Amino acid sequence: MKLIRFIGTSRDDLSAFPSSVRNRAGHELFMVQVGRQLADWKPIPAVGAGACEIRVREESGAYRVIYVARFEDAV
């Protein structure tokens, strides 16, 4: 399983999401760590090579987590 490395304020930003969104995003990040398929994602080549977006929608709005999983040892 790959480690997750947060850059800058990304961990704090994720922590500020509503708990239901945070739980879903956390599950999706775990799926990335173990190389499984995600529920709702898309590549974002404009951000950079290998950048992808996890999308979580709920009543309070839409939330996004951008990650890069192309590194051998971490996400």
C-alpha atoms as a PDB file:
ATOM      1  CA  MET A   1       0.000   0.000   0.000  1.00  0.00           C
ATOM      2  CA  LYS A   2       1.289   3.457  -0.909  1.00  0.00           C
ATOM      3  CA  LEU A   3       1.634   6.149   1.725  1.00  0.00           C
ATOM      4  CA  ILE A   4      -0.280   9.404   1.393  1.00  0.00           C
ATOM      5  CA  ARG A   5       1.836  12.542   1.507  1.00  0.00           C
ATOM      6  CA  PHE A   6      -0.051  15.782   2.006  1.00  0.00           C
ATOM      7  CA  ILE A   7       1.445  18.952   0.519  1.00  0.00           C
ATOM      8  CA  GLY A   8       1.096  22.401   2.085  1.00  0.00           C
ATOM      9  CA  THR A   9      -2.271  22.878   3.800  1.00  0.00           C
ATOM     10  CA  SER A  10      -3.989  19.984   2.015  1.00  0.00           C
ATOM     11  CA  ARG A  11      -4.453  17.879   5.177  1.00  0.00           C
ATOM     12  CA  ASP A  12      -6.010  20.827   7.037  1.00  0.00           C
ATOM     13  CA  ASP A  13      -8.147  21.662   3.998  1.00  0.00           C
ATOM     14  CA  LEU A  14      -9.462  18.092   3.877  1.00  0.00           C
ATOM     15  CA  SER A  15     -10.113  18.176   7.630  1.00  0.00           C
ATOM     16  CA  ALA A  16     -12.337  21.227   7.119  1.00  0.00           C
ATOM     17  CA  PHE A  17     -14.757  19.261   4.901  1.00  0.00           C
ATOM     18  CA  PRO A  18     -18.028  18.070   6.494  1.00  0.00           C
ATOM     19  CA  SER A  19     -17.536  14.713   8.227  1.00  0.00           C
ATOM     20  CA  SER A  20     -19.579  12.723   5.681  1.00  0.00           C
ATOM     21  CA  VAL A  21     -17.533  14.196   2.818  1.00  0.00           C
ATOM     22  CA  ARG A  22     -14.284  13.668   4.724  1.00  0.00           C
ATOM     23  CA  ASN A  23     -15.187   9.999   5.301  1.00  0.00           C
ATOM     24  CA  ARG A  24     -16.029   9.441   1.633  1.00  0.00           C
ATOM     25  CA  ALA A  25     -12.906  11.250   0.413  1.00  0.00           C
ATOM     26  CA  GLY A  26     -10.820   9.251   2.886  1.00  0.00           C
ATOM     27  CA  HIS A  27     -12.271   6.016   1.550  1.00  0.00           C
ATOM     28  CA  GLU A  28     -11.531   7.085  -2.018  1.00  0.00           C
ATOM     29  CA  LEU A  29      -7.944   7.981  -1.084  1.00  0.00           C
ATOM     30  CA  PHE A  30      -7.591   4.537   0.478  1.00  0.00           C
ATOM     31  CA  MET A  31      -8.790   3.004  -2.788  1.00  0.00           C
ATOM     32  CA  VAL A  32      -6.062   4.976  -4.597  1.00  0.00           C
ATOM     33  CA  GLN A  33      -3.494   3.716  -2.073  1.00  0.00           C
ATOM     34  CA  VAL A  34      -4.355   0.080  -2.778  1.00  0.00           C
ATOM     35  CA  GLY A  35      -4.769   0.528  -6.546  1.00  0.00           C
ATOM     36  CA  ARG A  36      -8.535   0.022  -6.773  1.00  0.00           C
ATOM     37  CA  GLN A  37     -11.157   1.752  -8.906  1.00  0.00           C
ATOM     38  CA  LEU A  38     -12.731   4.959  -7.582  1.00  0.00           C
ATOM     39  CA  ALA A  39     -16.425   5.852  -7.514  1.00  0.00           C
ATOM     40  CA  ASP A  40     -16.212   9.319  -9.103  1.00  0.00           C
ATOM     41  CA  TRP A  41     -12.976  10.733 -10.478  1.00  0.00           C
ATOM     42  CA  LYS A  42     -11.440  12.248 -13.574  1.00  0.00           C
ATOM     43  CA  PRO A  43      -7.941  13.036 -14.813  1.00  0.00           C
ATOM     44  CA  ILE A  44      -6.843  16.681 -14.685  1.00  0.00           C
ATOM     45  CA  PRO A  45      -3.993  17.059 -17.185  1.00  0.00           C
ATOM     46  CA  ALA A  46      -4.111  20.867 -16.879  1.00  0.00           C
ATOM     47  CA  VAL A  47      -2.788  20.531 -13.311  1.00  0.00           C
ATOM     48  CA  GLY A  48       0.011  18.185 -14.350  1.00  0.00           C
ATOM     49  CA  ALA A  49       0.863  14.713 -15.571  1.00  0.00           C
ATOM     50  CA  GLY A  50      -0.865  12.062 -13.486  1.00  0.00           C
ATOM     51  CA  ALA A  51      -3.071  14.514 -11.566  1.00  0.00           C
ATOM     52  CA  CYS A  52      -6.569  13.255 -10.860  1.00  0.00           C
ATOM     53  CA  GLU A  53      -9.597  14.606  -9.055  1.00  0.00           C
ATOM     54  CA  ILE A  54     -11.830  12.778  -6.587  1.00  0.00           C
ATOM     55  CA  ARG A  55     -15.320  14.248  -6.636  1.00  0.00           C
ATOM     56  CA  VAL A  56     -17.681  13.982  -3.677  1.00  0.00           C
ATOM     57  CA  ARG A  57     -21.164  15.456  -3.970  1.00  0.00           C
ATOM     58  CA  GLU A  58     -23.698  15.854  -1.201  1.00  0.00           C
ATOM     59  CA  GLU A  59     -26.512  18.210  -0.206  1.00  0.00           C
ATOM     60  CA  SER A  60     -24.107  20.866   1.100  1.00  0.00           C
ATOM     61  CA  GLY A  61     -22.237  21.032  -2.211  1.00  0.00           C
ATOM     62  CA  ALA A  62     -19.498  19.484  -4.312  1.00  0.00           C
ATOM     63  CA  TYR A  63     -16.047  18.783  -2.904  1.00  0.00           C
ATOM     64  CA  ARG A  64     -12.843  17.875  -4.710  1.00  0.00           C
ATOM     65  CA  VAL A  65      -9.538  16.310  -3.763  1.00  0.00           C
ATOM     66  CA  ILE A  66      -6.702  16.437  -6.290  1.00  0.00           C
ATOM     67  CA  TYR A  67      -3.996  13.787  -6.073  1.00  0.00           C
ATOM     68  CA  VAL A  68      -1.113  12.320  -8.024  1.00  0.00           C
ATOM     69  CA  ALA A  69      -0.615   8.554  -7.769  1.00  0.00           C
ATOM     70  CA  ARG A  70       2.164   8.071 -10.314  1.00  0.00           C
ATOM     71  CA  PHE A  71       4.893   8.018  -7.682  1.00  0.00           C
ATOM     72  CA  GLU A  72       6.082   4.532  -6.785  1.00  0.00           C
ATOM     73  CA  ASP A  73       6.080   4.986  -3.018  1.00  0.00           C
ATOM     74  CA  ALA A  74       3.331   7.538  -2.293  1.00  0.00           C
ATOM     75  CA  VAL A  75       0.116   9.260  -3.346  1.00  0.00           C
END
